[in-house]
Amino acid sequence: MTEPEHQLTVTPRHTPAGPFVLEVRGELDHHSAPLLTRAVKEAPFGSHGVIIDLSGLTYCDSTGITVLLTAYQRSQEVGSPLSFAGVNPDQMRVFQVVGLDQVFTFHATAQEAVSALQR
């Protein structure tokens, strides 16, 4: 029996409005977390902010949550806004249970997050 492949893609992109977006798709777990960790380290956290678009995320374990916390810590260290977009209801419940809904900034879509960061 073979183990299922853990697929994760992270697509970085600049927006014309300024914020940098990391589009995350697939499963974020202990196998795939290094990919997002690397993308967070390479992201240009700055005054325009960073958006992590989780609308394509299908699974996130505790390792994935740790990576998202690392992104938050980095944003705080450099004074850069950070928003999370497209979080599905099941994942939002996890964030609520662990109290991160009180820490992270959430938007329904990446475009909504871009608009909020422009204000």
Protein backbone atom coordinates (compact mmCIF):
# COMPACT_ATOMS: atom_id res chain seq x y z
CA MET A 1 0.00 0.00 0.00
CA THR A 2 1.41 3.37 -0.91
CA GLU A 3 1.03 6.52 1.11
CA PRO A 4 -1.06 9.23 -0.57
CA GLU A 5 0.89 12.11 -2.03
CA HIS A 6 0.59 15.31 -0.02
CA GLN A 7 0.10 18.06 -2.54
CA LEU A 8 0.53 21.72 -1.77
CA THR A 9 1.16 24.59 -4.10
CA VAL A 10 2.05 28.11 -3.08
CA THR A 11 1.83 30.73 -5.78
CA PRO A 12 3.36 34.10 -4.93
CA ARG A 13 2.15 37.19 -6.77
CA HIS A 14 2.34 40.94 -6.53
CA THR A 15 -0.87 42.91 -6.93
CA PRO A 16 -1.04 46.24 -8.77
CA ALA A 17 -2.48 47.71 -5.57
CA GLY A 18 0.66 46.81 -3.63
CA PRO A 19 -0.02 43.88 -1.28
CA PHE A 20 1.86 40.64 -1.91
CA VAL A 21 -0.29 37.51 -2.12
CA LEU A 22 0.60 33.90 -1.35
CA GLU A 23 -2.07 31.65 -2.88
CA VAL A 24 -2.10 28.34 -1.00
CA ARG A 25 -3.76 25.27 -2.53
CA GLY A 26 -3.98 21.71 -1.29
CA GLU A 27 -3.02 20.06 1.98
CA LEU A 28 -0.91 21.92 4.53
CA ASP A 29 0.57 19.34 6.87
CA HIS A 30 3.92 18.22 8.27
CA HIS A 31 4.93 16.87 4.84
CA SER A 32 4.13 20.03 2.88
CA ALA A 33 4.69 22.76 5.49
CA PRO A 34 8.31 23.45 4.44
CA LEU A 35 7.05 24.76 1.09
CA LEU A 36 4.88 27.43 2.73
CA THR A 37 7.57 28.14 5.34
CA ARG A 38 10.01 28.94 2.54
CA ALA A 39 7.45 31.13 0.76
CA VAL A 40 6.77 33.07 3.97
CA LYS A 41 10.50 33.62 4.51
CA GLU A 42 10.89 34.89 0.94
CA ALA A 43 7.76 37.08 0.94
CA PRO A 44 8.42 40.83 0.88
CA PHE A 45 6.78 41.82 4.15
CA GLY A 46 6.56 45.60 4.03
CA SER A 47 4.23 48.56 4.25
CA HIS A 48 1.85 47.25 1.55
CA GLY A 49 1.26 44.04 3.49
CA VAL A 50 0.98 40.35 2.74
CA ILE A 51 -2.15 38.33 2.11
CA ILE A 52 -2.20 34.57 2.53
CA ASP A 53 -5.06 33.30 0.39
CA LEU A 54 -6.30 30.02 1.86
CA SER A 55 -9.33 29.63 -0.42
CA GLY A 56 -7.71 26.59 -2.05
CA LEU A 57 -6.65 24.97 1.23
CA THR A 58 -8.27 21.57 1.67
CA TYR A 59 -6.58 20.48 4.91
CA CYS A 60 -4.44 22.05 7.62
CA ASP A 61 -2.94 20.27 10.62
CA SER A 62 -1.15 21.72 13.63
CA THR A 63 2.10 22.03 11.68
CA GLY A 64 0.28 24.18 9.14
CA ILE A 65 -1.13 26.38 11.88
CA THR A 66 2.42 26.80 13.20
CA VAL A 67 3.54 28.03 9.76
CA LEU A 68 0.68 30.55 9.72
CA LEU A 69 1.71 31.71 13.19
CA THR A 70 5.27 32.13 11.92
CA ALA A 71 3.94 34.38 9.15
CA TYR A 72 2.06 36.41 11.75
CA GLN A 73 5.16 36.73 13.94
CA ARG A 74 7.22 37.88 10.97
CA SER A 75 4.62 40.50 10.08
CA GLN A 76 4.66 41.78 13.65
CA GLU A 77 8.45 41.94 13.77
CA VAL A 78 8.66 44.14 10.68
CA GLY A 79 5.42 46.07 11.18
CA SER A 80 3.79 44.72 8.04
CA PRO A 81 0.05 44.12 7.75
CA LEU A 82 -0.93 40.46 7.29
CA SER A 83 -4.35 39.18 6.28
CA PHE A 84 -5.76 35.73 5.66
CA ALA A 85 -8.34 35.33 2.92
CA GLY A 86 -10.79 32.67 1.83
CA VAL A 87 -10.74 30.58 4.99
CA ASN A 88 -13.39 27.87 4.78
CA PRO A 89 -15.88 27.42 7.66
CA ASP A 90 -14.26 24.21 8.95
CA GLN A 91 -10.82 25.81 9.10
CA MET A 92 -12.29 28.94 10.72
CA ARG A 93 -13.72 26.77 13.50
CA VAL A 94 -10.22 25.45 14.16
CA PHE A 95 -8.89 29.02 14.32
CA GLN A 96 -11.70 29.89 16.75
CA VAL A 97 -11.00 26.87 18.98
CA VAL A 98 -7.32 27.80 19.29
CA GLY A 99 -8.09 31.52 19.67
CA LEU A 100 -6.44 32.68 16.45
CA ASP A 101 -9.66 34.34 15.29
CA GLN A 102 -8.79 36.96 17.92
CA VAL A 103 -5.25 37.41 16.57
CA PHE A 104 -5.39 37.04 12.78
CA THR A 105 -7.17 39.38 10.37
CA PHE A 106 -9.55 37.55 8.04
CA HIS A 107 -11.30 38.54 4.81
CA ALA A 108 -13.74 36.56 2.68
CA THR A 109 -11.63 36.91 -0.47
CA ALA A 110 -8.15 37.99 -1.49
CA GLN A 111 -9.66 40.95 -3.36
CA GLU A 112 -11.46 42.06 -0.20
CA ALA A 113 -8.16 41.82 1.69
CA VAL A 114 -6.39 43.88 -1.00
CA SER A 115 -9.08 46.56 -0.75
CA ALA A 116 -8.83 46.61 3.06
CA LEU A 117 -5.04 47.01 2.94
CA GLN A 118 -5.38 49.97 0.55
CA ARG A 119 -7.35 52.01 3.09
